Protein backbone atom coordinates (compact mmCIF):
# COMPACT_ATOMS: atom_id res chain seq x y z
CA GLN A 1 15.38 -16.98 1.04
CA ARG A 2 14.03 -14.79 -1.73
CA TRP A 3 11.82 -12.85 0.72
CA ASN A 4 14.78 -12.42 3.09
CA ASP A 5 16.88 -11.04 0.27
CA ALA A 6 14.11 -8.62 -0.69
CA TRP A 7 13.67 -7.57 2.94
CA ASN A 8 17.41 -6.89 3.31
CA HIS A 9 17.39 -4.85 0.10
CA PHE A 10 14.51 -2.67 1.35
CA GLU A 11 16.10 -2.29 4.79
CA ARG A 12 19.34 -1.01 3.25
CA ALA A 13 17.37 1.50 1.19
CA LEU A 14 15.46 2.66 4.28
CA ASP A 15 18.68 3.00 6.27
CA ALA A 16 19.74 5.59 3.70
CA ALA A 17 16.32 7.27 3.38
CA PRO A 18 13.89 6.26 6.15
CA ASP A 19 10.85 7.93 4.59
CA TYR A 20 11.36 6.79 1.01
CA VAL A 21 8.01 5.36 -0.07
CA ARG A 22 9.15 2.74 -2.61
CA PRO A 23 11.10 0.58 -0.14
CA LEU A 24 8.37 1.06 2.45
CA LEU A 25 5.84 -0.35 -0.01
CA GLY A 26 8.26 -3.17 -0.83
CA GLU A 27 8.63 -4.03 2.85
CA ALA A 28 4.86 -4.03 3.31
CA GLN A 29 4.47 -6.43 0.39
CA VAL A 30 7.15 -8.75 1.77
CA LEU A 31 5.34 -8.75 5.11
CA GLU A 32 2.06 -9.55 3.34
CA LYS A 33 3.58 -12.42 1.40
CA THR A 34 5.14 -13.88 4.53
CA GLY A 35 1.92 -13.81 6.56
CA ARG A 36 2.72 -10.81 8.72
CA GLY A 37 -0.34 -8.71 7.91
CA ALA A 38 -0.47 -6.66 11.10
CA GLU A 39 3.11 -5.53 10.52
CA ALA A 40 2.31 -4.83 6.87
CA GLU A 41 -0.47 -2.47 7.91
CA GLY A 42 1.93 -0.58 10.14
CA VAL A 43 4.36 -0.13 7.26
CA TYR A 44 1.54 1.00 4.93
CA GLN A 45 0.54 3.58 7.55
CA ARG A 46 4.16 4.70 7.83
CA ALA A 47 4.31 5.11 4.03
CA LEU A 48 1.10 7.13 4.11
CA ARG A 49 2.54 9.43 6.79
CA ALA A 50 5.79 9.76 4.81
CA ASP A 51 3.99 10.78 1.62
CA PRO A 52 0.25 11.36 1.94
CA TRP A 53 0.17 12.62 -1.67
CA SER A 54 1.51 9.41 -3.20
CA PRO A 55 -1.03 7.68 -5.45
CA ASP A 56 1.04 4.47 -5.17
CA VAL A 57 0.67 4.43 -1.39
CA HIS A 58 -3.08 4.89 -1.67
CA LEU A 59 -3.32 2.19 -4.31
CA ASN A 60 -1.28 -0.43 -2.45
CA TYR A 61 -2.75 0.30 0.95
CA GLY A 62 -6.26 0.34 -0.52
CA VAL A 63 -5.77 -3.07 -2.13
CA TRP A 64 -4.38 -4.44 1.13
CA LEU A 65 -7.37 -3.06 3.06
CA ALA A 66 -9.79 -4.65 0.58
CA VAL A 67 -8.10 -8.04 0.89
CA GLN A 68 -8.34 -7.74 4.67
CA GLY A 69 -12.08 -7.08 4.42
CA GLY A 70 -11.96 -3.34 5.10
CA LYS A 71 -14.04 -2.42 2.08
CA GLU A 72 -15.14 1.00 3.35
CA GLU A 73 -11.58 1.93 4.26
CA ALA A 74 -10.36 0.58 0.91
CA ARG A 75 -12.99 2.61 -0.95
CA SER A 76 -11.95 5.75 0.91
CA MET A 77 -8.27 5.09 0.16
CA CYS A 78 -9.03 4.57 -3.56
CA GLU A 79 -11.16 7.71 -3.72
CA GLN A 80 -8.33 9.72 -2.17
CA GLY A 81 -5.90 8.17 -4.65
CA LEU A 82 -8.17 9.07 -7.55
CA ARG A 83 -8.25 12.68 -6.37
CA LEU A 84 -4.45 12.65 -6.36
CA ALA A 85 -4.23 11.00 -9.78
CA PRO A 86 -7.39 11.88 -11.70
CA GLY A 87 -8.01 9.53 -14.57
CA ASP A 88 -5.83 6.74 -13.16
CA ARG A 89 -7.65 3.66 -14.34
CA ARG A 90 -6.25 1.50 -11.54
CA PHE A 91 -8.26 3.47 -9.01
CA GLN A 92 -11.32 3.50 -11.23
CA ARG A 93 -11.19 -0.30 -11.62
CA ASN A 94 -10.65 -0.88 -7.91
CA LEU A 95 -13.55 1.40 -7.02
CA GLN A 96 -15.83 -0.41 -9.45
CA ARG A 97 -14.86 -3.77 -7.94
CA LEU A 98 -15.35 -2.51 -4.40
CA ARG A 99 -18.76 -1.01 -5.16
CA ALA A 100 -19.85 -4.26 -6.78
CA ARG A 101 -18.97 -6.15 -3.58
CA MET A 102 -20.60 -3.71 -1.15
């Protein structure tokens, strides 16, 4: 029920602003948590198209890619995010972890 409530909340927000990144990321996370990974990827891609300059999109999508086993894609996403937000330690940590696993 909690995931349904969250989904409905994000859907209402997207009805008002279809390209608003925050509810798109929320929807993607709900899809992840409910085992709908392929749909989550589509929403992450939609968020990236909506705001390709958003560090949060790069961070969340990069983490998702890494969990799915797409380490090269995740590394690329984190590097792009770091260029958008130089000095952001979240990207630096994720890149270190990815490089250690490659």
